[in-house]
C-alpha atoms as a PDB file:
ATOM      1  CA  MET A   1     225.649 109.882 143.540  1.00  0.00           C
ATOM      2  CA  LYS A   2     223.588 108.054 140.971  1.00  0.00           C
ATOM      3  CA  GLN A   3     223.946 104.860 142.978  1.00  0.00           C
ATOM      4  CA  THR A   4     222.544 106.644 146.065  1.00  0.00           C
ATOM      5  CA  VAL A   5     219.463 107.819 144.126  1.00  0.00           C
ATOM      6  CA  TYR A   6     218.774 104.254 142.937  1.00  0.00           C
ATOM      7  CA  THR A   7     219.040 103.021 146.495  1.00  0.00           C
ATOM      8  CA  ILE A   8     216.496 105.581 147.795  1.00  0.00           C
ATOM      9  CA  ILE A   9     214.020 104.760 145.008  1.00  0.00           C
ATOM     10  CA  ALA A  10     214.294 101.035 145.720  1.00  0.00           C
ATOM     11  CA  ALA A  11     213.663 101.613 149.416  1.00  0.00           C
ATOM     12  CA  ALA A  12     210.584 103.734 148.655  1.00  0.00           C
ATOM     13  CA  LEU A  13     209.147 101.066 146.365  1.00  0.00           C
ATOM     14  CA  ALA A  14     209.721  98.407 148.994  1.00  0.00           C
ATOM     15  CA  LEU A  15     207.951 100.505 151.636  1.00  0.00           C
ATOM     16  CA  THR A  16     204.953 101.135 149.312  1.00  0.00           C
ATOM     17  CA  ALA A  17     204.651  97.437 148.527  1.00  0.00           C
ATOM     18  CA  ALA A  18     204.760  96.539 152.207  1.00  0.00           C
ATOM     19  CA  THR A  19     202.023  99.049 153.056  1.00  0.00           C
ATOM     20  CA  ALA A  20     199.750  97.751 150.238  1.00  0.00           C
ATOM     21  CA  CYS A  21     200.187  94.186 151.419  1.00  0.00           C
ATOM     22  CA  LYS A  22     199.278  95.178 154.982  1.00  0.00           C
ATOM     23  CA  ASN A  23     196.109  97.028 153.848  1.00  0.00           C
ATOM     24  CA  SER A  24     195.103  94.084 151.693  1.00  0.00           C
ATOM     25  CA  SER A  25     195.596  91.736 154.605  1.00  0.00           C
ATOM     26  CA  ASN A  26     193.447  93.914 156.905  1.00  0.00           C
ATOM     27  CA  SER A  27     190.662  94.186 154.301  1.00  0.00           C
ATOM     28  CA  SER A  28     190.466  90.449 153.852  1.00  0.00           C
ATOM     29  CA  ALA A  29     190.354  89.929 157.595  1.00  0.00           C
ATOM     30  CA  GLN A  30     187.381  92.294 158.217  1.00  0.00           C
ATOM     31  CA  PRO A  31     184.679  90.220 156.423  1.00  0.00           C
ATOM     32  CA  SER A  32     185.885  87.143 158.249  1.00  0.00           C
ATOM     33  CA  ALA A  33     185.522  88.923 161.596  1.00  0.00           C
ATOM     34  CA  ALA A  34     182.041  90.227 160.644  1.00  0.00           C
ATOM     35  CA  ALA A  35     180.934  86.749 159.593  1.00  0.00           C
ATOM     36  CA  GLU A  36     181.657  85.513 163.077  1.00  0.00           C
ATOM     37  CA  ILE A  37     179.034  87.891 164.637  1.00  0.00           C
ATOM     38  CA  VAL A  38     175.931  85.765 165.432  1.00  0.00           C
ATOM     39  CA  PRO A  39     172.730  87.702 166.330  1.00  0.00           C
ATOM     40  CA  LEU A  40     171.228  87.169 169.776  1.00  0.00           C
ATOM     41  CA  VAL A  41     167.473  86.475 169.746  1.00  0.00           C
ATOM     42  CA  GLY A  42     164.683  85.569 172.135  1.00  0.00           C
ATOM     43  CA  VAL A  43     162.365  82.676 171.310  1.00  0.00           C
ATOM     44  CA  GLU A  44     159.102  81.238 172.609  1.00  0.00           C
ATOM     45  CA  ALA A  45     157.356  77.994 171.766  1.00  0.00           C
ATOM     46  CA  ALA A  46     154.074  77.942 169.857  1.00  0.00           C
ATOM     47  CA  ALA A  47     151.439  76.559 172.216  1.00  0.00           C
ATOM     48  CA  VAL A  48     148.008  74.995 171.899  1.00  0.00           C
ATOM     49  CA  ARG A  49     145.194  76.778 173.696  1.00  0.00           C
ATOM     50  CA  ILE A  50     141.482  76.077 173.919  1.00  0.00           C
ATOM     51  CA  VAL A  51     139.817  78.767 171.803  1.00  0.00           C
ATOM     52  CA  SER A  52     136.163  79.510 171.194  1.00  0.00           C
ATOM     53  CA  ASP A  53     135.553  78.969 167.499  1.00  0.00           C
ATOM     54  CA  ASP A  54     133.351  81.903 166.571  1.00  0.00           C
ATOM     55  CA  GLN A  55     132.414  84.129 163.663  1.00  0.00           C
ATOM     56  CA  THR A  56     131.166  87.713 163.435  1.00  0.00           C
ATOM     57  CA  PHE A  57     128.431  88.726 161.001  1.00  0.00           C
ATOM     58  CA  SER A  58     127.045  92.092 159.983  1.00  0.00           C
ATOM     59  CA  SER A  59     123.277  92.382 160.195  1.00  0.00           C
ATOM     60  CA  THR A  60     120.387  94.812 160.573  1.00  0.00           C
ATOM     61  CA  VAL A  61     117.897  94.859 163.411  1.00  0.00           C
ATOM     62  CA  GLN A  62     114.370  93.919 162.291  1.00  0.00           C
ATOM     63  CA  ALA A  63     111.015  94.216 164.001  1.00  0.00           C
ATOM     64  CA  TRP A  64     109.723  90.931 165.360  1.00  0.00           C
ATOM     65  CA  ALA A  65     106.470  91.640 163.515  1.00  0.00           C
ATOM     66  CA  LYS A  66     105.179  94.469 161.341  1.00  0.00           C
ATOM     67  CA  ASN A  67     101.527  95.291 160.726  1.00  0.00           C
ATOM     68  CA  ASN A  68     100.002  97.697 158.228  1.00  0.00           C
ATOM     69  CA  ILE A  69      96.721  99.077 159.548  1.00  0.00           C
ATOM     70  CA  ALA A  70      94.054  99.978 156.994  1.00  0.00           C
ATOM     71  CA  PRO A  71      90.291  99.537 156.448  1.00  0.00           C
ATOM     72  CA  GLN A  72      88.934  97.036 153.975  1.00  0.00           C
ATOM     73  CA  SER A  73      87.482  99.645 151.624  1.00  0.00           C
ATOM     74  CA  GLY A  74      87.771 103.324 150.842  1.00  0.00           C
ATOM     75  CA  SER A  75      86.242 105.746 153.319  1.00  0.00           C
ATOM     76  CA  ARG A  76      86.793 109.127 154.928  1.00  0.00           C
ATOM     77  CA  ILE A  77      89.140 109.288 157.914  1.00  0.00           C
ATOM     78  CA  GLU A  78      87.304 110.784 160.886  1.00  0.00           C
ATOM     79  CA  GLN A  79      90.043 110.511 163.565  1.00  0.00           C
ATOM     80  CA  LEU A  80      93.737 109.665 163.766  1.00  0.00           C
ATOM     81  CA  LEU A  81      94.513 108.942 167.401  1.00  0.00           C
ATOM     82  CA  VAL A  82      98.276 108.182 167.439  1.00  0.00           C
ATOM     83  CA  GLU A  83     101.414 109.676 165.930  1.00  0.00           C
ATOM     84  CA  VAL A  84     104.690 108.328 164.588  1.00  0.00           C
ATOM     85  CA  GLY A  85     106.887 107.247 167.491  1.00  0.00           C
ATOM     86  CA  ASP A  86     103.977 106.458 169.838  1.00  0.00           C
ATOM     87  CA  TYR A  87     103.985 103.076 171.528  1.00  0.00           C
ATOM     88  CA  VAL A  88     100.641 101.286 171.182  1.00  0.00           C
ATOM     89  CA  ASN A  89      99.304  98.150 172.825  1.00  0.00           C
ATOM     90  CA  ALA A  90      97.573  95.276 171.094  1.00  0.00           C
ATOM     91  CA  GLY A  91      93.858  96.106 170.727  1.00  0.00           C
ATOM     92  CA  GLN A  92      94.333  99.852 171.174  1.00  0.00           C
ATOM     93  CA  VAL A  93      92.148 102.049 168.926  1.00  0.00           C
ATOM     94  CA  VAL A  94      94.398 104.021 166.558  1.00  0.00           C
ATOM     95  CA  ALA A  95      91.877 105.510 164.071  1.00  0.00           C
ATOM     96  CA  ARG A  96      88.172 105.908 163.313  1.00  0.00           C
ATOM     97  CA  MET A  97      86.671 105.962 159.852  1.00  0.00           C
ATOM     98  CA  ASP A  98      83.317 107.379 158.708  1.00  0.00           C
ATOM     99  CA  ASP A  99      80.735 105.315 160.620  1.00  0.00           C
ATOM    100  CA  VAL A 100      77.505 105.877 158.638  1.00  0.00           C
ATOM    101  CA  GLN A 101      77.445 102.359 157.204  1.00  0.00           C
ATOM    102  CA  MET A 102      78.351 100.850 160.543  1.00  0.00           C
ATOM    103  CA  GLN A 103      75.501 102.692 162.289  1.00  0.00           C
ATOM    104  CA  GLN A 104      73.028 101.579 159.652  1.00  0.00           C
ATOM    105  CA  SER A 105      74.175  98.000 160.040  1.00  0.00           C
ATOM    106  CA  TYR A 106      73.887  98.280 163.822  1.00  0.00           C
ATOM    107  CA  LEU A 107      70.273  99.463 163.547  1.00  0.00           C
ATOM    108  CA  GLN A 108      69.544  96.512 161.285  1.00  0.00           C
ATOM    109  CA  VAL A 109      70.979  94.108 163.869  1.00  0.00           C
ATOM    110  CA  CYS A 110      68.941  95.739 166.669  1.00  0.00           C
ATOM    111  CA  ASN A 111      65.781  95.398 164.600  1.00  0.00           C
ATOM    112  CA  ASP A 112      66.612  91.783 163.816  1.00  0.00           C
ATOM    113  CA  ARG A 113      66.900  90.993 167.518  1.00  0.00           C
ATOM    114  CA  VAL A 114      63.442  92.432 168.246  1.00  0.00           C
ATOM    115  CA  GLU A 115      61.915  90.696 165.242  1.00  0.00           C
ATOM    116  CA  TYR A 116      63.595  87.424 166.156  1.00  0.00           C
ATOM    117  CA  GLU A 117      61.976  87.385 169.600  1.00  0.00           C
ATOM    118  CA  ARG A 118      58.559  88.153 168.042  1.00  0.00           C
ATOM    119  CA  LEU A 119      58.863  85.396 165.431  1.00  0.00           C
ATOM    120  CA  LYS A 120      60.165  82.992 168.026  1.00  0.00           C
ATOM    121  CA  SER A 121      56.931  83.452 170.044  1.00  0.00           C
ATOM    122  CA  LEU A 122      54.812  83.006 166.915  1.00  0.00           C
ATOM    123  CA  ARG A 123      56.780  79.896 165.984  1.00  0.00           C
ATOM    124  CA  GLU A 124      55.988  78.366 169.348  1.00  0.00           C
ATOM    125  CA  GLU A 125      52.300  79.086 168.752  1.00  0.00           C
ATOM    126  CA  GLY A 126      52.428  77.726 165.210  1.00  0.00           C
ATOM    127  CA  GLY A 127      51.941  81.114 163.550  1.00  0.00           C
ATOM    128  CA  VAL A 128      55.191  80.896 161.544  1.00  0.00           C
ATOM    129  CA  SER A 129      56.452  77.933 159.560  1.00  0.00           C
ATOM    130  CA  ALA A 130      59.735  76.307 160.502  1.00  0.00           C
ATOM    131  CA  SER A 131      61.323  77.154 157.133  1.00  0.00           C
ATOM    132  CA  ASP A 132      60.394  80.852 157.371  1.00  0.00           C
ATOM    133  CA  PHE A 133      61.771  81.045 160.898  1.00  0.00           C
ATOM    134  CA  GLU A 134      65.042  79.351 159.888  1.00  0.00           C
ATOM    135  CA  SER A 135      65.420  81.678 156.883  1.00  0.00           C
ATOM    136  CA  PHE A 136      64.963  84.719 159.128  1.00  0.00           C
ATOM    137  CA  GLU A 137      67.410  83.291 161.683  1.00  0.00           C
ATOM    138  CA  MET A 138      70.012  82.859 158.921  1.00  0.00           C
ATOM    139  CA  ALA A 139      69.447  86.465 157.724  1.00  0.00           C
ATOM    140  CA  CYS A 140      70.013  87.697 161.292  1.00  0.00           C
ATOM    141  CA  LYS A 141      73.352  85.909 161.404  1.00  0.00           C
ATOM    142  CA  VAL A 142      74.371  87.446 158.069  1.00  0.00           C
ATOM    143  CA  HIS A 143      73.443  90.942 159.251  1.00  0.00           C
ATOM    144  CA  GLU A 144      75.338  90.480 162.520  1.00  0.00           C
ATOM    145  CA  SER A 145      78.415  89.212 160.684  1.00  0.00           C
ATOM    146  CA  SER A 146      78.261  92.211 158.329  1.00  0.00           C
ATOM    147  CA  TYR A 147      78.020  94.573 161.311  1.00  0.00           C
ATOM    148  CA  LYS A 148      81.064  93.038 163.017  1.00  0.00           C
ATOM    149  CA  ASN A 149      83.056  93.360 159.811  1.00  0.00           C
ATOM    150  CA  LEU A 150      82.039  97.019 159.405  1.00  0.00           C
ATOM    151  CA  GLU A 151      82.924  97.683 163.043  1.00  0.00           C
ATOM    152  CA  LYS A 152      86.447  96.229 162.547  1.00  0.00           C
ATOM    153  CA  ASN A 153      86.951  98.399 159.455  1.00  0.00           C
ATOM    154  CA  THR A 154      85.534 101.561 161.026  1.00  0.00           C
ATOM    155  CA  ILE A 155      87.152 101.441 164.471  1.00  0.00           C
ATOM    156  CA  LEU A 156      90.741 100.460 163.641  1.00  0.00           C
ATOM    157  CA  ARG A 157      92.784  98.749 166.327  1.00  0.00           C
ATOM    158  CA  SER A 158      96.427  97.720 166.427  1.00  0.00           C
ATOM    159  CA  PRO A 159      96.713  93.914 166.323  1.00  0.00           C
ATOM    160  CA  ILE A 160     100.161  93.997 167.960  1.00  0.00           C
ATOM    161  CA  SER A 161     102.006  95.954 170.623  1.00  0.00           C
ATOM    162  CA  GLY A 162     104.713  98.106 169.113  1.00  0.00           C
ATOM    163  CA  VAL A 163     105.837 101.506 167.936  1.00  0.00           C
ATOM    164  CA  VAL A 164     104.129 103.478 165.167  1.00  0.00           C
ATOM    165  CA  SER A 165     106.723 103.729 162.401  1.00  0.00           C
ATOM    166  CA  ALA A 166     104.658 105.417 159.664  1.00  0.00           C
ATOM    167  CA  ARG A 167     101.482 107.494 159.166  1.00  0.00           C
ATOM    168  CA  ASN A 168     100.482 108.066 155.563  1.00  0.00           C
ATOM    169  CA  TYR A 169      97.295 110.169 155.855  1.00  0.00           C
ATOM    170  CA  ASP A 170      95.935 113.189 157.687  1.00  0.00           C
ATOM    171  CA  GLN A 171      92.648 113.464 159.516  1.00  0.00           C
ATOM    172  CA  GLY A 172      89.805 114.179 157.071  1.00  0.00           C
ATOM    173  CA  ASP A 173      91.567 112.542 154.104  1.00  0.00           C
ATOM    174  CA  MET A 174      89.772 110.043 151.910  1.00  0.00           C
ATOM    175  CA  TYR A 175      91.427 106.663 152.284  1.00  0.00           C
ATOM    176  CA  ALA A 176      92.262 105.597 148.748  1.00  0.00           C
ATOM    177  CA  MET A 177      93.553 102.059 149.463  1.00  0.00           C
ATOM    178  CA  ALA A 178      96.996 102.955 148.065  1.00  0.00           C
ATOM    179  CA  GLN A 179      98.897 102.959 151.350  1.00  0.00           C
ATOM    180  CA  PRO A 180      98.025 101.846 154.877  1.00  0.00           C
ATOM    181  CA  LEU A 181      96.970 104.436 157.459  1.00  0.00           C
ATOM    182  CA  TYR A 182      99.650 103.305 159.902  1.00  0.00           C
ATOM    183  CA  SER A 183     102.565 100.908 160.135  1.00  0.00           C
ATOM    184  CA  VAL A 184     103.187  99.426 163.575  1.00  0.00           C
ATOM    185  CA  GLU A 185     106.354  97.449 164.337  1.00  0.00           C
ATOM    186  CA  GLN A 186     106.802  95.149 167.305  1.00  0.00           C
ATOM    187  CA  ILE A 187     110.158  95.926 168.940  1.00  0.00           C
ATOM    188  CA  VAL A 188     109.831  93.784 172.065  1.00  0.00           C
ATOM    189  CA  PRO A 189     111.433  91.493 171.032  1.00  0.00           C
ATOM    190  CA  VAL A 190     113.433  92.194 167.851  1.00  0.00           C
ATOM    191  CA  LYS A 191     115.210  89.815 165.497  1.00  0.00           C
ATOM    192  CA  LEU A 192     118.281  89.662 163.266  1.00  0.00           C
ATOM    193  CA  LEU A 193     119.046  87.403 160.317  1.00  0.00           C
ATOM    194  CA  VAL A 194     122.530  86.185 159.364  1.00  0.00           C
ATOM    195  CA  GLY A 195     123.698  83.948 156.538  1.00  0.00           C
ATOM    196  CA  VAL A 196     125.882  81.098 157.840  1.00  0.00           C
ATOM    197  CA  SER A 197     128.047  78.888 155.655  1.00  0.00           C
ATOM    198  CA  GLU A 198     126.571  75.479 154.908  1.00  0.00           C
ATOM    199  CA  ALA A 199     129.751  73.927 156.356  1.00  0.00           C
ATOM    200  CA  ASN A 200     128.507  75.000 159.794  1.00  0.00           C
ATOM    201  CA  TYR A 201     124.917  73.751 159.401  1.00  0.00           C
ATOM    202  CA  THR A 202     125.309  71.065 162.072  1.00  0.00           C
ATOM    203  CA  ARG A 203     127.164  73.382 164.455  1.00  0.00           C
ATOM    204  CA  VAL A 204     124.274  75.717 165.276  1.00  0.00           C
ATOM    205  CA  GLN A 205     121.356  74.720 167.478  1.00  0.00           C
ATOM    206  CA  TYR A 206     118.066  76.236 168.596  1.00  0.00           C
ATOM    207  CA  GLY A 207     118.546  78.221 171.784  1.00  0.00           C
ATOM    208  CA  ASP A 208     122.293  78.863 171.335  1.00  0.00           C
ATOM    209  CA  LYS A 209     123.265  82.084 173.117  1.00  0.00           C
ATOM    210  CA  ILE A 210     124.412  84.935 170.877  1.00  0.00           C
ATOM    211  CA  SER A 211     126.171  88.263 171.595  1.00  0.00           C
ATOM    212  CA  ILE A 212     125.152  91.361 169.622  1.00  0.00           C
ATOM    213  CA  THR A 213     126.716  94.821 169.466  1.00  0.00           C
ATOM    214  CA  ALA A 214     125.257  97.907 167.819  1.00  0.00           C
ATOM    215  CA  ASP A 215     127.089 100.960 166.489  1.00  0.00           C
ATOM    216  CA  ALA A 216     124.477 103.151 168.161  1.00  0.00           C
ATOM    217  CA  PHE A 217     125.538 101.849 171.608  1.00  0.00           C
ATOM    218  CA  PRO A 218     129.354 101.540 171.660  1.00  0.00           C
ATOM    219  CA  GLY A 219     130.718  99.357 174.429  1.00  0.00           C
ATOM    220  CA  GLN A 220     127.365  97.711 175.152  1.00  0.00           C
ATOM    221  CA  THR A 221     126.569  94.068 174.411  1.00  0.00           C
ATOM    222  CA  PHE A 222     123.065  92.666 173.941  1.00  0.00           C
ATOM    223  CA  GLN A 223     122.234  89.011 174.521  1.00  0.00           C
ATOM    224  CA  GLY A 224     120.071  86.948 172.206  1.00  0.00           C
ATOM    225  CA  SER A 225     119.417  83.354 171.212  1.00  0.00           C
ATOM    226  CA  ILE A 226     118.778  81.389 168.030  1.00  0.00           C
ATOM    227  CA  SER A 227     115.015  81.243 167.516  1.00  0.00           C
ATOM    228  CA  ASN A 228     114.874  79.730 164.040  1.00  0.00           C
ATOM    229  CA  ILE A 229     117.152  77.885 161.624  1.00  0.00           C
ATOM    230  CA  TYR A 230     115.964  77.977 158.034  1.00  0.00           C
ATOM    231  CA  PRO A 231     115.661  74.464 156.564  1.00  0.00           C
ATOM    232  CA  THR A 232     117.098  75.225 153.114  1.00  0.00           C
ATOM    233  CA  VAL A 233     120.489  76.371 151.803  1.00  0.00           C
ATOM    234  CA  ASP A 234     120.824  79.125 149.191  1.00  0.00           C
ATOM    235  CA  GLY A 235     122.268  77.463 146.099  1.00  0.00           C
ATOM    236  CA  ALA A 236     124.010  80.663 144.964  1.00  0.00           C
ATOM    237  CA  THR A 237     125.753  81.646 148.223  1.00  0.00           C
ATOM    238  CA  HIS A 238     125.802  78.215 149.924  1.00  0.00           C
ATOM    239  CA  THR A 239     124.561  79.791 153.131  1.00  0.00           C
ATOM    240  CA  PHE A 240     121.491  79.224 155.281  1.00  0.00           C
ATOM    241  CA  SER A 241     119.648  81.825 157.328  1.00  0.00           C
ATOM    242  CA  VAL A 242     119.708  81.863 161.118  1.00  0.00           C
ATOM    243  CA  GLU A 243     117.175  83.993 163.008  1.00  0.00           C
ATOM    244  CA  ILE A 244     118.290  85.509 166.317  1.00  0.00           C
ATOM    245  CA  LYS A 245     115.815  86.766 168.890  1.00  0.00           C
ATOM    246  CA  VAL A 246     116.739  89.606 171.273  1.00  0.00           C
ATOM    247  CA  ALA A 247     114.365  90.354 174.189  1.00  0.00           C
ATOM    248  CA  ASN A 248     114.991  94.132 173.924  1.00  0.00           C
ATOM    249  CA  THR A 249     112.877  94.842 176.998  1.00  0.00           C
ATOM    250  CA  ASP A 250     114.457  98.289 177.316  1.00  0.00           C
ATOM    251  CA  ARG A 251     113.473  99.060 173.688  1.00  0.00           C
ATOM    252  CA  LYS A 252     116.962 100.340 172.861  1.00  0.00           C
ATOM    253  CA  LEU A 253     117.392  98.382 169.652  1.00  0.00           C
ATOM    254  CA  ARG A 254     115.250  99.765 166.842  1.00  0.00           C
ATOM    255  CA  PRO A 255     114.477  98.342 163.394  1.00  0.00           C
ATOM    256  CA  GLY A 256     117.061  99.385 160.828  1.00  0.00           C
ATOM    257  CA  MET A 257     119.995  99.727 163.246  1.00  0.00           C
ATOM    258  CA  TYR A 258     123.323  98.286 162.059  1.00  0.00           C
ATOM    259  CA  ALA A 259     124.572  95.490 164.313  1.00  0.00           C
ATOM    260  CA  LYS A 260     127.277  92.848 164.554  1.00  0.00           C
ATOM    261  CA  VAL A 261     126.403  89.314 165.588  1.00  0.00           C
ATOM    262  CA  ASN A 262     129.002  87.050 167.235  1.00  0.00           C
ATOM    263  CA  LEU A 263     128.133  83.405 166.676  1.00  0.00           C
ATOM    264  CA  VAL A 264     130.108  80.912 168.819  1.00  0.00           C
ATOM    265  CA  TYR A 265     130.181  77.402 167.388  1.00  0.00           C
ATOM    266  CA  ASP A 266     132.218  75.470 169.975  1.00  0.00           C
ATOM    267  CA  ASP A 267     135.552  75.356 171.844  1.00  0.00           C
ATOM    268  CA  SER A 268     138.518  73.764 170.060  1.00  0.00           C
ATOM    269  CA  PRO A 269     142.327  73.494 170.486  1.00  0.00           C
ATOM    270  CA  ARG A 270     144.290  76.001 168.387  1.00  0.00           C
ATOM    271  CA  ILE A 271     147.983  76.766 167.925  1.00  0.00           C
ATOM    272  CA  THR A 272     148.910  80.246 169.156  1.00  0.00           C
ATOM    273  CA  VAL A 273     152.068  82.380 169.069  1.00  0.00           C
ATOM    274  CA  PRO A 274     152.943  85.718 170.716  1.00  0.00           C
ATOM    275  CA  ASP A 275     151.975  88.744 168.654  1.00  0.00           C
ATOM    276  CA  ALA A 276     155.622  89.906 168.799  1.00  0.00           C
ATOM    277  CA  ALA A 277     156.578  86.932 166.614  1.00  0.00           C
ATOM    278  CA  VAL A 278     154.345  87.906 163.696  1.00  0.00           C
ATOM    279  CA  VAL A 279     155.913  89.951 160.883  1.00  0.00           C
ATOM    280  CA  LYS A 280     153.766  91.631 158.212  1.00  0.00           C
ATOM    281  CA  GLN A 281     155.467  91.767 154.831  1.00  0.00           C
ATOM    282  CA  GLN A 282     155.516  95.284 153.431  1.00  0.00           C
ATOM    283  CA  GLY A 283     153.387  95.845 150.350  1.00  0.00           C
ATOM    284  CA  SER A 284     151.277  92.707 150.826  1.00  0.00           C
ATOM    285  CA  GLY A 285     148.787  91.163 153.167  1.00  0.00           C
ATOM    286  CA  ASP A 286     151.064  88.238 154.006  1.00  0.00           C
ATOM    287  CA  TYR A 287     152.307  87.402 157.499  1.00  0.00           C
ATOM    288  CA  PHE A 288     155.468  85.513 158.494  1.00  0.00           C
ATOM    289  CA  VAL A 289     157.304  84.194 161.553  1.00  0.00           C
ATOM    290  CA  TYR A 290     160.944  83.146 162.092  1.00  0.00           C
ATOM    291  CA  VAL A 291     161.115  79.510 163.258  1.00  0.00           C
ATOM    292  CA  LEU A 292     164.254  78.286 165.056  1.00  0.00           C
ATOM    293  CA  ASN A 293     165.694  75.074 163.629  1.00  0.00           C
ATOM    294  CA  GLU A 294     167.730  72.398 165.467  1.00  0.00           C
ATOM    295  CA  ASP A 295     170.969  73.630 163.866  1.00  0.00           C
ATOM    296  CA  SER A 296     170.378  77.138 165.340  1.00  0.00           C
ATOM    297  CA  THR A 297     169.397  78.600 161.972  1.00  0.00           C
ATOM    298  CA  VAL A 298     166.076  80.370 161.414  1.00  0.00           C
ATOM    299  CA  THR A 299     163.495  79.831 158.675  1.00  0.00           C
ATOM    300  CA  TYR A 300     161.186  82.600 157.472  1.00  0.00           C
ATOM    301  CA  LYS A 301     157.753  80.898 157.279  1.00  0.00           C
ATOM    302  CA  LYS A 302     154.492  82.253 155.908  1.00  0.00           C
ATOM    303  CA  VAL A 303     151.535  81.777 158.265  1.00  0.00           C
ATOM    304  CA  SER A 304     147.768  82.164 158.105  1.00  0.00           C
ATOM    305  CA  LEU A 305     146.445  84.219 161.010  1.00  0.00           C
ATOM    306  CA  GLY A 306     143.248  83.597 162.916  1.00  0.00           C
ATOM    307  CA  ARG A 307     141.710  85.745 165.631  1.00  0.00           C
ATOM    308  CA  ARG A 308     143.708  87.704 168.200  1.00  0.00           C
ATOM    309  CA  LEU A 309     143.606  86.561 171.828  1.00  0.00           C
ATOM    310  CA  GLY A 310     145.062  89.297 174.002  1.00  0.00           C
ATOM    311  CA  ASP A 311     148.817  89.287 173.268  1.00  0.00           C
ATOM    312  CA  ARG A 312     148.704  86.165 171.079  1.00  0.00           C
ATOM    313  CA  TYR A 313     147.475  85.202 167.621  1.00  0.00           C
ATOM    314  CA  VAL A 314     145.780  81.987 166.565  1.00  0.00           C
ATOM    315  CA  ILE A 315     147.772  80.369 163.745  1.00  0.00           C
ATOM    316  CA  LEU A 316     145.628  78.512 161.233  1.00  0.00           C
ATOM    317  CA  SER A 317     148.551  77.141 159.226  1.00  0.00           C
ATOM    318  CA  GLY A 318     152.337  77.431 158.893  1.00  0.00           C
ATOM    319  CA  VAL A 319     153.466  76.586 162.441  1.00  0.00           C
ATOM    320  CA  ASN A 320     153.267  73.384 164.473  1.00  0.00           C
ATOM    321  CA  ASP A 321     152.725  72.927 168.176  1.00  0.00           C
ATOM    322  CA  GLY A 322     156.054  73.282 169.991  1.00  0.00           C
ATOM    323  CA  ASP A 323     157.864  75.159 167.203  1.00  0.00           C
ATOM    324  CA  LYS A 324     160.136  77.847 168.645  1.00  0.00           C
ATOM    325  CA  VAL A 325     159.471  81.239 167.086  1.00  0.00           C
ATOM    326  CA  VAL A 326     161.617  84.357 167.387  1.00  0.00           C
ATOM    327  CA  VAL A 327     159.982  87.050 169.504  1.00  0.00           C
ATOM    328  CA  ASP A 328     162.958  89.355 170.164  1.00  0.00           C
ATOM    329  CA  GLY A 329     165.734  90.526 167.826  1.00  0.00           C
ATOM    330  CA  ILE A 330     163.718  90.060 164.638  1.00  0.00           C
ATOM    331  CA  LEU A 331     165.232  93.173 163.028  1.00  0.00           C
ATOM    332  CA  ARG A 332     168.743  91.692 163.325  1.00  0.00           C
ATOM    333  CA  ILE A 333     168.089  88.437 161.463  1.00  0.00           C
ATOM    334  CA  ARG A 334     167.182  87.129 158.030  1.00  0.00           C
ATOM    335  CA  ASP A 335     166.142  83.802 156.541  1.00  0.00           C
ATOM    336  CA  GLY A 336     168.688  81.012 156.898  1.00  0.00           C
ATOM    337  CA  ILE A 337     171.276  82.627 159.201  1.00  0.00           C
ATOM    338  CA  LYS A 338     172.554  81.228 162.486  1.00  0.00           C
ATOM    339  CA  VAL A 339     171.457  82.829 165.734  1.00  0.00           C
ATOM    340  CA  ARG A 340     172.194  82.645 169.435  1.00  0.00           C
ATOM    341  CA  VAL A 341     169.260  82.125 171.783  1.00  0.00           C
ATOM    342  CA  SER A 342     169.009  84.355 174.814  1.00  0.00           C
ATOM    343  CA  ALA A 343     169.111  82.569 178.139  1.00  0.00           C
ATOM    344  CA  GLU A 344     166.020  84.458 179.375  1.00  0.00           C
END
């Protein structure tokens, strides 16, 4: 009986040991089978494309010219003939000041003309000396010059065509020479100024065509051209100013509007990759791509991105022309592992 019990126990121990060995064998086989699974990926070669090398700047629309209209000296304002927002033409009368002095000067000029003709006749007859006649002639010229000056400062005209952007007095006020009566800004054309890096000084030329967009007119592009290139470079910012002229014949762009200026330098070959190949690293501003090596492994490479061209990105550094980058199956791979390339 005791012998039978020993036999049963021995058999049970043998069965337990066999089961443990089998489980151990299966466990060791599973990692080996998993290691043999090679991810399937799609790749595409980085390619060189001709790309317009451009740069976008933020700027503010400025009037082509701005004029502050005011008389030369203090006087009472008799008439204000235009309002803020009115469009005025060059030479148009915009205000009239008190004209008492001007009228007095005009009467003096009229009298001088009559007296001049009388003295001229006497001079021909020898009744007036040459020096007296010349002195009177000079006085006439002085009086006429004074009258013209008073006329300009009494009847105020706009020297430019543009829109009235400010009026600082009311009719009947005494002009105190503190602020101008009006400010007129020429808006046909307008201009914008941008600061360009000194590295690009030789890449911009007079007359280069420029594209401008304004937040006030989404989806609309305005065309301009370089009208002036400043001859000096700012020593602090190492930039030089470029002036851009926009015809603005429809008067849509107004001084003070925020705008973006796209400056195209030239066309140049650039390496590009599909946007599907670019991976942004979480928690940073770094971008990477997986590059396929000759031994079918992949390398996780950091790249510097340029502008986007449709469904591709310009790569400034990190990838060479012809490198094969992974575009499909990125979530199934990691740096250094072997992959299988899809036949598609």
